[in-house]
Amino acid sequence: MRGALFSARSEYACIAMLELAVRRHDPNPVPLNSIADMHGIPKRFLVQILLQLKAAGLVGSTRGASGGYHLSREPEAIMLADIIGVIDRSENPADTRASTGTDPSPLARAVHGVWTEILAAQQRLLETTSIADLLTRVNSSHDMMYQI
């Protein structure tokens, strides 16, 4: 289940990056169709996502019939914030409130203060969680399909 704070594109990007990390020791690049089919990601979205990740230097690609994608860095060096920052370059939700032209009430300031704390905690978690950390979670789930 996707969290409401992140787009489907961000979820797809993270899944694709994890798939590339799982298969990082394979000498062959991972075909886009393989990722899309395995995880039910629409190919048209995945093409766009991988192009964005490539432009950001997070993945590399090989062209041709046996082409595909690979990680450009080790999984320990790729943080979720790197991926989300490339895919969802949207404004901070707290900054999108319509301005009323008046100072917020004490109640509104209290709510805004909590939102700010939540967003800061979220950003800290994204900045300190690597693809390697997620691989550890996969391994601890005992999912035999992804033992790496």
Protein backbone atom coordinates (compact mmCIF):
# COMPACT_ATOMS: atom_id res chain seq x y z
CA MET A 1 0.00 0.00 0.00
CA ARG A 2 1.38 3.38 -1.04
CA GLY A 3 1.52 6.11 1.58
CA ALA A 4 -0.45 9.27 0.90
CA LEU A 5 2.69 11.38 1.29
CA PHE A 6 4.38 9.94 -1.79
CA SER A 7 3.31 9.61 -5.39
CA ALA A 8 2.94 6.35 -7.28
CA ARG A 9 5.91 7.49 -9.39
CA SER A 10 8.08 7.68 -6.25
CA GLU A 11 6.97 4.23 -5.19
CA TYR A 12 7.74 2.84 -8.64
CA ALA A 13 11.14 4.53 -8.62
CA CYS A 14 12.05 3.04 -5.26
CA ILE A 15 10.90 -0.43 -6.34
CA ALA A 16 12.89 -0.17 -9.58
CA MET A 17 16.00 0.94 -7.67
CA LEU A 18 15.59 -1.97 -5.27
CA GLU A 19 15.25 -4.40 -8.18
CA LEU A 20 18.46 -3.01 -9.69
CA ALA A 21 20.17 -3.35 -6.31
CA VAL A 22 19.05 -6.96 -5.90
CA ARG A 23 20.48 -7.75 -9.34
CA ARG A 24 23.60 -5.57 -9.06
CA HIS A 25 25.98 -8.54 -9.22
CA ASP A 26 24.49 -9.80 -12.47
CA PRO A 27 26.89 -8.84 -15.29
CA ASN A 28 23.94 -8.11 -17.60
CA PRO A 29 21.90 -4.92 -17.33
CA VAL A 30 18.32 -5.34 -16.13
CA PRO A 31 15.77 -4.92 -18.94
CA LEU A 32 13.04 -2.36 -18.36
CA ASN A 33 10.38 -4.92 -19.31
CA SER A 34 11.67 -7.27 -16.64
CA ILE A 35 11.22 -4.66 -13.91
CA ALA A 36 7.83 -3.54 -15.21
CA ASP A 37 6.43 -7.05 -15.56
CA MET A 38 7.77 -8.34 -12.25
CA HIS A 39 6.34 -5.46 -10.22
CA GLY A 40 3.26 -4.47 -12.21
CA ILE A 41 4.64 -1.04 -13.08
CA PRO A 42 3.20 0.54 -16.24
CA LYS A 43 6.02 0.60 -18.79
CA ARG A 44 5.27 4.13 -19.96
CA PHE A 45 5.78 5.43 -16.40
CA LEU A 46 8.86 3.31 -15.82
CA VAL A 47 10.56 4.64 -18.95
CA GLN A 48 10.08 8.21 -17.73
CA ILE A 49 11.17 7.35 -14.19
CA LEU A 50 14.35 5.58 -15.29
CA LEU A 51 15.23 8.47 -17.61
CA GLN A 52 14.91 10.88 -14.68
CA LEU A 53 17.02 8.62 -12.46
CA LYS A 54 19.60 8.32 -15.22
CA ALA A 55 19.76 12.10 -15.69
CA ALA A 56 20.35 12.41 -11.94
CA GLY A 57 23.22 9.91 -12.09
CA LEU A 58 21.51 7.26 -9.98
CA VAL A 59 21.28 4.65 -12.75
CA GLY A 60 23.16 3.91 -15.93
CA SER A 61 21.93 2.20 -19.05
CA THR A 62 23.13 0.04 -21.88
CA ARG A 63 21.45 0.31 -25.26
CA GLY A 64 20.60 -2.47 -27.65
CA ALA A 65 18.79 -5.78 -27.69
CA SER A 66 20.56 -6.97 -24.54
CA GLY A 67 20.43 -3.53 -22.94
CA GLY A 68 18.91 -2.40 -19.72
CA TYR A 69 19.69 -0.54 -16.51
CA HIS A 70 22.07 -0.82 -13.56
CA LEU A 71 22.81 1.20 -10.43
CA SER A 72 25.43 3.91 -10.90
CA ARG A 73 26.45 3.76 -7.24
CA GLU A 74 26.53 1.20 -4.49
CA PRO A 75 23.18 0.71 -2.66
CA GLU A 76 24.73 2.15 0.54
CA ALA A 77 25.34 5.44 -1.28
CA ILE A 78 21.80 5.92 -2.58
CA MET A 79 19.37 7.41 -0.08
CA LEU A 80 15.62 7.46 -0.46
CA ALA A 81 15.83 11.26 -0.39
CA ASP A 82 17.96 11.08 -3.55
CA ILE A 83 15.25 9.14 -5.36
CA ILE A 84 12.26 11.07 -4.04
CA GLY A 85 14.03 14.35 -4.75
CA VAL A 86 14.45 13.42 -8.40
CA ILE A 87 10.96 12.03 -8.93
CA ASP A 88 8.80 14.32 -6.77
CA ARG A 89 10.27 17.79 -6.99
CA SER A 90 7.05 19.30 -5.73
CA GLU A 91 6.60 22.07 -3.24
CA ASN A 92 6.49 21.37 0.45
CA PRO A 93 2.80 20.66 1.29
CA ALA A 94 3.02 23.06 4.22
CA ASP A 95 4.01 25.85 1.83
CA THR A 96 1.04 25.41 -0.48
CA ARG A 97 -1.56 26.84 1.93
CA ALA A 98 -3.48 29.78 0.59
CA SER A 99 -2.48 32.98 2.30
CA THR A 100 -5.38 34.77 3.94
CA GLY A 101 -3.42 37.98 4.39
CA THR A 102 -3.77 37.74 8.17
CA ASP A 103 -1.59 36.25 10.84
CA PRO A 104 -2.51 32.65 11.63
CA SER A 105 -4.42 32.08 14.83
CA PRO A 106 -2.74 30.35 17.78
CA LEU A 107 -4.62 27.17 16.86
CA ALA A 108 -3.43 27.33 13.26
CA ARG A 109 0.16 28.00 14.43
CA ALA A 110 -0.02 24.90 16.66
CA VAL A 111 -1.19 22.75 13.75
CA HIS A 112 1.42 24.23 11.40
CA GLY A 113 4.11 23.59 14.01
CA VAL A 114 3.22 19.89 14.13
CA TRP A 115 3.18 19.68 10.31
CA THR A 116 6.65 21.23 10.24
CA GLU A 117 7.92 18.67 12.77
CA ILE A 118 6.39 15.79 10.83
CA LEU A 119 7.93 16.96 7.56
CA ALA A 120 11.33 17.41 9.23
CA ALA A 121 11.18 13.88 10.69
CA GLN A 122 10.14 12.50 7.31
CA GLN A 123 13.04 14.26 5.59
CA ARG A 124 15.52 12.95 8.20
CA LEU A 125 14.29 9.40 7.61
CA LEU A 126 14.54 9.76 3.83
CA GLU A 127 18.06 11.19 4.14
CA THR A 128 19.29 8.38 6.39
CA THR A 129 17.62 5.37 4.75
CA SER A 130 19.60 3.85 1.90
CA ILE A 131 18.69 1.30 -0.73
CA ALA A 132 20.99 -1.07 1.20
CA ASP A 133 18.85 -0.53 4.31
CA LEU A 134 15.78 -1.57 2.34
CA LEU A 135 17.63 -4.64 1.05
CA THR A 136 18.27 -5.59 4.68
CA ARG A 137 14.53 -5.35 5.32
CA VAL A 138 13.87 -7.61 2.34
CA ASN A 139 16.37 -10.15 3.66
CA SER A 140 14.90 -10.07 7.16
CA SER A 141 11.42 -10.76 5.76
CA HIS A 142 12.54 -14.27 4.77
CA ASP A 143 11.21 -13.81 1.26
CA MET A 144 13.07 -16.57 -0.58
CA MET A 145 12.54 -14.85 -3.92
CA TYR A 146 14.88 -12.04 -2.91
CA GLN A 147 17.58 -13.68 -0.83
CA ILE A 148 20.73 -11.78 -1.73
